[in-house]
Amino acid sequence: MGSEADGSLLVHVAGAVQTPGVVTLPRGSRVFQAIEAAGGAAPNAELGGLNLAEVLNDGAKVVVPVAGEAPQASPSAPAGSTGTGSSSGGAAKVNINTATLEELGTLPRVGPVTAQRILDWRKEHGPFASVDELDAIDGIGPKLMESFNDLVTVQGG
C-alpha cells in the first residue's frame, strides 16, 4: 500500500478514465483529484453518481461508471423496493470504508466497541471490498448483517 511515512496514499482508479490504474496522491486527496491523476474522466464517464469531494483513504478504489451503466453500489436494492422504517426513502447509506466511529455508531445494534472493531479491521486489512466482509468482525453475525443490507455501502452513496 502507500507509504504513510511520506504522507502519500495509493488509490486504484478504474472505469471511465483516460488511464486507469494505481495513482499516488498526497494524504487528504479527494476523488476528483484521483480522477485527474488518472488522466481525467473519459468522454463517456458518468460523474453524477460519485461524491467528487470525498476524501480518499490509502488503498481505496474509485470506479468511474460509464454513462448509462448501472452504478455498482447496490444491486440488492431494486428501484421500486420499499424500505420499511425508512422515513426518507433516499437516506444516505453509511460508507463503511470512510465512516467515523460516530457514523458507525448510528447503525442499529452497533455500539462503540463494534464500531471500533470495524475501524480496526479496516486499518489492518484496507478498505472493505464488499459489505459481506463485515461478517469477519467479532460481534457481527448473520442477523446483524441482514439488518445492515439497506444501511451500509462500500462506495459513496
N, C-alpha and C. Protein backbone atom coordinates (compact mmCIF):
# COMPACT_ATOMS: atom_id res chain seq x y z
N MET A 1 0.85 -1.19 0.00
CA MET A 1 0.00 0.00 0.00
C MET A 1 0.89 1.24 0.00
N GLY A 2 0.29 2.41 0.13
CA GLY A 2 1.04 3.66 0.11
C GLY A 2 1.91 3.77 1.33
N SER A 3 2.85 4.67 1.28
CA SER A 3 3.73 4.86 2.41
C SER A 3 3.20 5.97 3.28
N GLU A 4 2.71 5.60 4.47
CA GLU A 4 2.15 6.60 5.35
C GLU A 4 3.24 7.54 5.85
N ALA A 5 4.48 7.05 5.90
CA ALA A 5 5.58 7.86 6.41
C ALA A 5 5.82 9.09 5.53
N ASP A 6 5.67 8.94 4.21
CA ASP A 6 5.93 10.08 3.34
C ASP A 6 4.67 10.89 3.03
N GLY A 7 3.57 10.56 3.70
CA GLY A 7 2.36 11.36 3.54
C GLY A 7 1.63 11.11 2.23
N SER A 8 1.87 9.96 1.59
CA SER A 8 1.17 9.69 0.33
C SER A 8 0.25 8.50 0.50
N LEU A 9 -0.64 8.33 -0.48
CA LEU A 9 -1.53 7.19 -0.49
C LEU A 9 -1.66 6.68 -1.90
N LEU A 10 -1.95 5.39 -2.02
CA LEU A 10 -2.16 4.77 -3.32
C LEU A 10 -3.65 4.53 -3.51
N VAL A 11 -4.14 4.90 -4.69
CA VAL A 11 -5.56 4.76 -5.00
C VAL A 11 -5.69 4.11 -6.37
N HIS A 12 -6.58 3.10 -6.47
CA HIS A 12 -6.83 2.43 -7.75
C HIS A 12 -8.00 3.16 -8.42
N VAL A 13 -7.75 3.72 -9.59
CA VAL A 13 -8.79 4.41 -10.35
C VAL A 13 -9.14 3.54 -11.55
N ALA A 14 -10.43 3.15 -11.66
CA ALA A 14 -10.86 2.24 -12.72
C ALA A 14 -12.10 2.80 -13.40
N GLY A 15 -12.46 2.17 -14.50
CA GLY A 15 -13.68 2.58 -15.20
C GLY A 15 -13.41 3.61 -16.27
N ALA A 16 -14.32 4.57 -16.39
CA ALA A 16 -14.30 5.54 -17.49
C ALA A 16 -13.35 6.70 -17.22
N VAL A 17 -12.03 6.36 -17.20
CA VAL A 17 -10.99 7.39 -17.11
C VAL A 17 -9.99 7.17 -18.23
N GLN A 18 -9.19 8.20 -18.53
CA GLN A 18 -8.25 8.11 -19.66
C GLN A 18 -7.19 7.03 -19.45
N THR A 19 -6.58 6.98 -18.25
CA THR A 19 -5.55 5.98 -17.97
C THR A 19 -5.82 5.32 -16.63
N PRO A 20 -6.67 4.27 -16.64
CA PRO A 20 -6.97 3.56 -15.39
C PRO A 20 -5.71 2.94 -14.79
N GLY A 21 -5.71 2.83 -13.49
CA GLY A 21 -4.57 2.21 -12.83
C GLY A 21 -4.41 2.76 -11.43
N VAL A 22 -3.26 2.47 -10.84
CA VAL A 22 -2.96 2.92 -9.48
C VAL A 22 -2.22 4.25 -9.56
N VAL A 23 -2.70 5.23 -8.78
CA VAL A 23 -2.08 6.55 -8.74
C VAL A 23 -1.61 6.85 -7.32
N THR A 24 -0.54 7.64 -7.22
CA THR A 24 -0.03 8.08 -5.93
C THR A 24 -0.48 9.52 -5.72
N LEU A 25 -1.09 9.77 -4.57
CA LEU A 25 -1.63 11.09 -4.26
C LEU A 25 -1.19 11.51 -2.86
N PRO A 26 -1.19 12.82 -2.58
CA PRO A 26 -0.89 13.25 -1.22
C PRO A 26 -2.04 12.89 -0.28
N ARG A 27 -1.73 12.62 0.99
CA ARG A 27 -2.77 12.37 2.00
C ARG A 27 -3.80 13.49 1.96
N GLY A 28 -5.06 13.15 2.18
CA GLY A 28 -6.12 14.17 2.19
C GLY A 28 -6.68 14.45 0.80
N SER A 29 -6.19 13.73 -0.22
CA SER A 29 -6.70 13.95 -1.57
C SER A 29 -8.14 13.49 -1.68
N ARG A 30 -8.81 14.00 -2.68
CA ARG A 30 -10.23 13.73 -2.88
C ARG A 30 -10.45 12.97 -4.19
N VAL A 31 -11.66 12.46 -4.37
CA VAL A 31 -11.99 11.65 -5.54
C VAL A 31 -11.67 12.39 -6.84
N PHE A 32 -12.03 13.67 -6.94
CA PHE A 32 -11.79 14.39 -8.20
C PHE A 32 -10.30 14.47 -8.52
N GLN A 33 -9.46 14.51 -7.49
CA GLN A 33 -8.01 14.56 -7.72
C GLN A 33 -7.49 13.21 -8.22
N ALA A 34 -8.09 12.12 -7.74
CA ALA A 34 -7.69 10.80 -8.21
C ALA A 34 -8.06 10.65 -9.69
N ILE A 35 -9.24 11.15 -10.06
CA ILE A 35 -9.68 11.07 -11.46
C ILE A 35 -8.74 11.90 -12.35
N GLU A 36 -8.35 13.10 -11.87
CA GLU A 36 -7.40 13.93 -12.62
C GLU A 36 -6.06 13.21 -12.78
N ALA A 37 -5.60 12.54 -11.71
CA ALA A 37 -4.32 11.84 -11.75
C ALA A 37 -4.36 10.67 -12.73
N ALA A 38 -5.56 10.15 -13.02
CA ALA A 38 -5.71 9.06 -13.99
C ALA A 38 -6.01 9.61 -15.38
N GLY A 39 -5.60 10.84 -15.63
CA GLY A 39 -5.75 11.43 -16.96
C GLY A 39 -7.08 12.12 -17.19
N GLY A 40 -7.92 12.16 -16.17
CA GLY A 40 -9.23 12.80 -16.31
C GLY A 40 -10.30 11.80 -16.74
N ALA A 41 -11.54 12.23 -16.61
CA ALA A 41 -12.67 11.37 -16.96
C ALA A 41 -12.73 11.18 -18.47
N ALA A 42 -13.12 9.99 -18.87
CA ALA A 42 -13.33 9.71 -20.29
C ALA A 42 -14.60 10.44 -20.75
N PRO A 43 -14.74 10.67 -22.07
CA PRO A 43 -15.93 11.40 -22.56
C PRO A 43 -17.25 10.71 -22.20
N ASN A 44 -17.22 9.39 -22.02
CA ASN A 44 -18.45 8.66 -21.70
C ASN A 44 -18.64 8.44 -20.20
N ALA A 45 -17.90 9.17 -19.38
CA ALA A 45 -17.98 8.99 -17.92
C ALA A 45 -19.26 9.62 -17.37
N GLU A 46 -19.79 8.98 -16.33
CA GLU A 46 -20.96 9.50 -15.62
C GLU A 46 -20.51 9.84 -14.20
N LEU A 47 -20.17 11.12 -13.98
CA LEU A 47 -19.62 11.53 -12.68
C LEU A 47 -20.71 11.86 -11.67
N GLY A 48 -21.96 11.95 -12.10
CA GLY A 48 -23.04 12.36 -11.22
C GLY A 48 -23.25 11.45 -10.03
N GLY A 49 -22.93 10.17 -10.14
CA GLY A 49 -23.14 9.25 -9.04
C GLY A 49 -22.00 9.21 -8.03
N LEU A 50 -20.91 9.91 -8.33
CA LEU A 50 -19.75 9.90 -7.44
C LEU A 50 -19.76 11.14 -6.56
N ASN A 51 -19.24 11.00 -5.35
CA ASN A 51 -19.02 12.17 -4.49
C ASN A 51 -17.60 12.63 -4.79
N LEU A 52 -17.46 13.61 -5.66
CA LEU A 52 -16.14 14.06 -6.11
C LEU A 52 -15.33 14.70 -4.99
N ALA A 53 -16.00 15.14 -3.93
CA ALA A 53 -15.32 15.80 -2.82
C ALA A 53 -14.93 14.83 -1.71
N GLU A 54 -15.28 13.54 -1.84
CA GLU A 54 -14.99 12.57 -0.79
C GLU A 54 -13.48 12.41 -0.59
N VAL A 55 -13.03 12.45 0.67
CA VAL A 55 -11.62 12.26 0.99
C VAL A 55 -11.29 10.78 0.84
N LEU A 56 -10.14 10.52 0.21
CA LEU A 56 -9.73 9.15 -0.07
C LEU A 56 -8.84 8.57 1.02
N ASN A 57 -8.92 7.27 1.22
CA ASN A 57 -8.04 6.55 2.13
C ASN A 57 -7.05 5.75 1.31
N ASP A 58 -5.90 5.45 1.91
CA ASP A 58 -4.90 4.61 1.25
C ASP A 58 -5.53 3.27 0.89
N GLY A 59 -5.32 2.83 -0.33
CA GLY A 59 -5.85 1.54 -0.77
C GLY A 59 -7.26 1.61 -1.31
N ALA A 60 -7.83 2.81 -1.44
CA ALA A 60 -9.20 2.94 -1.94
C ALA A 60 -9.26 2.63 -3.43
N LYS A 61 -10.46 2.29 -3.90
CA LYS A 61 -10.68 2.08 -5.32
C LYS A 61 -11.81 3.00 -5.75
N VAL A 62 -11.55 3.80 -6.77
CA VAL A 62 -12.55 4.70 -7.33
C VAL A 62 -12.95 4.13 -8.68
N VAL A 63 -14.23 3.79 -8.84
CA VAL A 63 -14.72 3.28 -10.11
C VAL A 63 -15.60 4.35 -10.74
N VAL A 64 -15.17 4.86 -11.89
CA VAL A 64 -15.94 5.88 -12.60
C VAL A 64 -16.85 5.16 -13.60
N PRO A 65 -18.18 5.20 -13.36
CA PRO A 65 -19.08 4.46 -14.25
C PRO A 65 -19.20 5.11 -15.63
N VAL A 66 -19.52 4.30 -16.60
CA VAL A 66 -19.79 4.76 -17.96
C VAL A 66 -21.24 5.26 -17.98
N ALA A 67 -21.51 6.33 -18.70
CA ALA A 67 -22.86 6.87 -18.79
C ALA A 67 -23.82 5.78 -19.24
N GLY A 68 -24.95 5.66 -18.54
CA GLY A 68 -25.95 4.67 -18.88
C GLY A 68 -25.73 3.32 -18.20
N GLU A 69 -24.55 3.15 -17.60
CA GLU A 69 -24.23 1.90 -16.91
C GLU A 69 -24.77 1.99 -15.48
N ALA A 70 -25.33 0.90 -14.98
CA ALA A 70 -25.84 0.91 -13.61
C ALA A 70 -24.67 1.04 -12.64
N PRO A 71 -24.78 1.92 -11.65
CA PRO A 71 -23.69 2.03 -10.68
C PRO A 71 -23.52 0.72 -9.92
N GLN A 72 -22.31 0.42 -9.50
CA GLN A 72 -22.02 -0.85 -8.87
C GLN A 72 -22.40 -0.87 -7.39
N ALA A 73 -22.90 0.22 -6.86
CA ALA A 73 -23.09 0.35 -5.41
C ALA A 73 -23.96 -0.74 -4.80
N SER A 74 -25.22 -0.87 -5.21
CA SER A 74 -26.09 -1.80 -4.51
C SER A 74 -27.07 -2.50 -5.43
N PRO A 75 -26.66 -3.61 -6.02
CA PRO A 75 -27.59 -4.34 -6.89
C PRO A 75 -28.72 -4.99 -6.10
N SER A 76 -28.60 -5.04 -4.75
CA SER A 76 -29.61 -5.70 -3.94
C SER A 76 -30.81 -4.80 -3.65
N ALA A 77 -30.77 -3.55 -4.08
CA ALA A 77 -31.88 -2.64 -3.81
C ALA A 77 -32.54 -2.21 -5.11
N PRO A 78 -33.53 -2.96 -5.60
CA PRO A 78 -34.22 -2.57 -6.84
C PRO A 78 -34.89 -1.20 -6.68
N ALA A 79 -35.02 -0.50 -7.79
CA ALA A 79 -35.54 0.87 -7.74
C ALA A 79 -36.92 0.96 -7.12
N GLY A 80 -37.76 -0.03 -7.33
CA GLY A 80 -39.13 0.05 -6.81
C GLY A 80 -39.29 -0.50 -5.41
N SER A 81 -38.20 -0.89 -4.75
CA SER A 81 -38.34 -1.51 -3.43
C SER A 81 -38.74 -0.49 -2.39
N THR A 82 -39.55 -0.91 -1.46
CA THR A 82 -39.98 -0.01 -0.39
C THR A 82 -39.31 -0.44 0.89
N GLY A 83 -38.50 0.45 1.44
CA GLY A 83 -37.80 0.13 2.69
C GLY A 83 -38.74 0.32 3.86
N THR A 84 -38.70 -0.59 4.81
CA THR A 84 -39.55 -0.45 5.98
C THR A 84 -38.83 0.37 7.02
N GLY A 85 -39.54 1.28 7.64
CA GLY A 85 -38.98 2.10 8.70
C GLY A 85 -38.09 3.22 8.22
N SER A 86 -38.01 3.42 6.93
CA SER A 86 -37.18 4.49 6.41
C SER A 86 -38.06 5.67 6.05
N SER A 87 -37.95 6.73 6.86
CA SER A 87 -38.84 7.87 6.64
C SER A 87 -38.46 8.63 5.37
N SER A 88 -37.15 8.75 5.11
CA SER A 88 -36.74 9.40 3.86
C SER A 88 -36.18 8.32 2.95
N GLY A 89 -36.90 7.99 1.92
CA GLY A 89 -36.55 6.90 1.04
C GLY A 89 -35.14 7.00 0.50
N GLY A 90 -34.59 8.21 0.39
CA GLY A 90 -33.25 8.38 -0.17
C GLY A 90 -32.21 8.62 0.89
N ALA A 91 -32.39 8.07 2.08
CA ALA A 91 -31.42 8.27 3.15
C ALA A 91 -30.05 7.75 2.71
N ALA A 92 -29.01 8.53 3.01
CA ALA A 92 -27.67 8.14 2.62
C ALA A 92 -27.21 6.93 3.43
N LYS A 93 -26.57 6.00 2.74
CA LYS A 93 -26.04 4.83 3.42
C LYS A 93 -24.72 5.21 4.09
N VAL A 94 -24.37 4.47 5.13
CA VAL A 94 -23.10 4.67 5.81
C VAL A 94 -22.03 3.92 5.01
N ASN A 95 -21.01 4.65 4.55
CA ASN A 95 -19.92 4.04 3.80
C ASN A 95 -18.92 3.47 4.81
N ILE A 96 -18.89 2.14 4.92
CA ILE A 96 -18.04 1.51 5.93
C ILE A 96 -16.55 1.68 5.64
N ASN A 97 -16.19 2.18 4.45
CA ASN A 97 -14.78 2.43 4.14
C ASN A 97 -14.33 3.82 4.54
N THR A 98 -15.28 4.72 4.83
CA THR A 98 -14.90 6.08 5.19
C THR A 98 -15.54 6.56 6.48
N ALA A 99 -16.47 5.78 7.04
CA ALA A 99 -17.23 6.21 8.21
C ALA A 99 -16.35 6.39 9.44
N THR A 100 -16.70 7.37 10.25
CA THR A 100 -16.03 7.61 11.52
C THR A 100 -16.66 6.71 12.58
N LEU A 101 -16.06 6.68 13.75
CA LEU A 101 -16.60 5.91 14.86
C LEU A 101 -18.03 6.35 15.16
N GLU A 102 -18.27 7.66 15.12
CA GLU A 102 -19.60 8.20 15.41
C GLU A 102 -20.62 7.77 14.35
N GLU A 103 -20.21 7.82 13.07
CA GLU A 103 -21.13 7.44 11.99
C GLU A 103 -21.48 5.95 12.08
N LEU A 104 -20.49 5.12 12.40
CA LEU A 104 -20.76 3.69 12.54
C LEU A 104 -21.69 3.44 13.72
N GLY A 105 -21.56 4.26 14.76
CA GLY A 105 -22.40 4.12 15.94
C GLY A 105 -23.86 4.44 15.70
N THR A 106 -24.19 5.05 14.56
CA THR A 106 -25.60 5.35 14.24
C THR A 106 -26.32 4.12 13.71
N LEU A 107 -25.57 3.06 13.37
CA LEU A 107 -26.19 1.83 12.87
C LEU A 107 -26.86 1.09 14.02
N PRO A 108 -27.98 0.39 13.73
CA PRO A 108 -28.68 -0.33 14.79
C PRO A 108 -27.80 -1.42 15.40
N ARG A 109 -27.82 -1.51 16.73
CA ARG A 109 -27.10 -2.53 17.49
C ARG A 109 -25.59 -2.48 17.29
N VAL A 110 -25.06 -1.31 16.88
CA VAL A 110 -23.61 -1.13 16.79
C VAL A 110 -23.22 -0.10 17.84
N GLY A 111 -22.55 -0.58 18.85
CA GLY A 111 -22.07 0.31 19.90
C GLY A 111 -20.63 0.71 19.63
N PRO A 112 -20.04 1.44 20.57
CA PRO A 112 -18.66 1.91 20.37
C PRO A 112 -17.66 0.77 20.20
N VAL A 113 -17.88 -0.37 20.86
CA VAL A 113 -16.93 -1.49 20.76
C VAL A 113 -16.96 -2.09 19.34
N THR A 114 -18.15 -2.37 18.84
CA THR A 114 -18.26 -2.94 17.48
C THR A 114 -17.79 -1.94 16.44
N ALA A 115 -18.14 -0.67 16.61
CA ALA A 115 -17.70 0.37 15.67
C ALA A 115 -16.17 0.42 15.63
N GLN A 116 -15.53 0.34 16.81
CA GLN A 116 -14.06 0.36 16.86
C GLN A 116 -13.49 -0.88 16.18
N ARG A 117 -14.15 -2.03 16.32
CA ARG A 117 -13.67 -3.26 15.65
C ARG A 117 -13.72 -3.09 14.13
N ILE A 118 -14.75 -2.42 13.63
CA ILE A 118 -14.86 -2.16 12.18
C ILE A 118 -13.69 -1.28 11.74
N LEU A 119 -13.42 -0.21 12.51
CA LEU A 119 -12.31 0.69 12.17
C LEU A 119 -10.97 -0.04 12.22
N ASP A 120 -10.79 -0.89 13.26
CA ASP A 120 -9.54 -1.63 13.39
C ASP A 120 -9.34 -2.60 12.23
N TRP A 121 -10.42 -3.29 11.83
CA TRP A 121 -10.34 -4.24 10.71
C TRP A 121 -9.93 -3.48 9.44
N ARG A 122 -10.57 -2.33 9.23
CA ARG A 122 -10.29 -1.53 8.03
C ARG A 122 -8.84 -1.06 8.03
N LYS A 123 -8.34 -0.66 9.20
CA LYS A 123 -6.96 -0.19 9.30
C LYS A 123 -5.98 -1.32 9.00
N GLU A 124 -6.30 -2.53 9.47
CA GLU A 124 -5.41 -3.67 9.31
C GLU A 124 -5.49 -4.28 7.91
N HIS A 125 -6.70 -4.35 7.33
CA HIS A 125 -6.89 -5.06 6.05
C HIS A 125 -7.12 -4.14 4.85
N GLY A 126 -7.28 -2.84 5.08
CA GLY A 126 -7.59 -1.93 3.98
C GLY A 126 -9.09 -1.85 3.78
N PRO A 127 -9.54 -1.16 2.74
CA PRO A 127 -10.97 -0.96 2.54
C PRO A 127 -11.72 -2.27 2.33
N PHE A 128 -12.96 -2.27 2.76
CA PHE A 128 -13.83 -3.43 2.53
C PHE A 128 -14.11 -3.53 1.04
N ALA A 129 -13.99 -4.73 0.47
CA ALA A 129 -14.32 -4.95 -0.94
C ALA A 129 -15.84 -5.05 -1.10
N SER A 130 -16.51 -5.57 -0.06
CA SER A 130 -17.97 -5.67 -0.10
C SER A 130 -18.49 -5.61 1.33
N VAL A 131 -19.76 -5.30 1.46
CA VAL A 131 -20.41 -5.24 2.76
C VAL A 131 -20.33 -6.60 3.46
N ASP A 132 -20.32 -7.68 2.68
CA ASP A 132 -20.29 -9.04 3.24
C ASP A 132 -19.05 -9.28 4.11
N GLU A 133 -17.98 -8.51 3.89
CA GLU A 133 -16.77 -8.69 4.69
C GLU A 133 -16.96 -8.30 6.15
N LEU A 134 -18.03 -7.57 6.47
CA LEU A 134 -18.31 -7.23 7.87
C LEU A 134 -18.48 -8.50 8.71
N ASP A 135 -18.85 -9.59 8.07
CA ASP A 135 -19.06 -10.85 8.75
C ASP A 135 -17.78 -11.34 9.46
N ALA A 136 -16.62 -10.86 9.02
CA ALA A 136 -15.35 -11.28 9.60
C ALA A 136 -15.09 -10.61 10.96
N ILE A 137 -15.90 -9.65 11.33
CA ILE A 137 -15.67 -8.89 12.55
C ILE A 137 -16.40 -9.53 13.73
N ASP A 138 -15.67 -9.69 14.85
CA ASP A 138 -16.27 -10.24 16.06
C ASP A 138 -17.50 -9.44 16.46
N GLY A 139 -18.57 -10.14 16.77
CA GLY A 139 -19.78 -9.46 17.23
C GLY A 139 -20.77 -9.17 16.11
N ILE A 140 -20.37 -9.41 14.87
CA ILE A 140 -21.30 -9.20 13.75
C ILE A 140 -21.61 -10.56 13.15
N GLY A 141 -22.86 -10.99 13.34
CA GLY A 141 -23.29 -12.27 12.82
C GLY A 141 -24.31 -12.10 11.71
N PRO A 142 -24.90 -13.20 11.25
CA PRO A 142 -25.85 -13.16 10.14
C PRO A 142 -27.05 -12.23 10.38
N LYS A 143 -27.59 -12.23 11.59
CA LYS A 143 -28.76 -11.37 11.88
C LYS A 143 -28.41 -9.90 11.74
N LEU A 144 -27.28 -9.51 12.32
CA LEU A 144 -26.85 -8.11 12.25
C LEU A 144 -26.51 -7.74 10.81
N MET A 145 -25.85 -8.66 10.08
CA MET A 145 -25.53 -8.42 8.68
C MET A 145 -26.81 -8.14 7.88
N GLU A 146 -27.85 -8.91 8.15
CA GLU A 146 -29.12 -8.75 7.46
C GLU A 146 -29.69 -7.35 7.71
N SER A 147 -29.57 -6.87 8.95
CA SER A 147 -30.13 -5.55 9.27
C SER A 147 -29.34 -4.43 8.60
N PHE A 148 -28.09 -4.72 8.17
CA PHE A 148 -27.26 -3.71 7.52
C PHE A 148 -27.55 -3.55 6.03
N ASN A 149 -28.25 -4.52 5.41
CA ASN A 149 -28.41 -4.55 3.96
C ASN A 149 -28.73 -3.19 3.33
N ASP A 150 -29.70 -2.47 3.89
CA ASP A 150 -30.11 -1.21 3.28
C ASP A 150 -29.45 -0.01 3.96
N LEU A 151 -28.50 -0.24 4.86
CA LEU A 151 -27.95 0.85 5.64
C LEU A 151 -26.48 1.15 5.37
N VAL A 152 -25.76 0.18 4.83
CA VAL A 152 -24.33 0.39 4.61
C VAL A 152 -23.95 0.14 3.16
N THR A 153 -22.80 0.71 2.78
CA THR A 153 -22.27 0.56 1.44
C THR A 153 -20.75 0.59 1.53
N VAL A 154 -20.07 0.22 0.46
CA VAL A 154 -18.61 0.35 0.41
C VAL A 154 -18.21 1.44 -0.59
N GLN A 155 -19.21 2.11 -1.16
CA GLN A 155 -18.95 3.21 -2.10
C GLN A 155 -19.77 4.41 -1.66
N GLY A 156 -19.43 5.59 -2.18
CA GLY A 156 -20.18 6.79 -1.84
C GLY A 156 -21.61 6.68 -2.32
N GLY A 157 -22.58 6.70 -1.40
CA GLY A 157 -23.97 6.65 -1.85
C GLY A 157 -24.90 5.97 -0.97
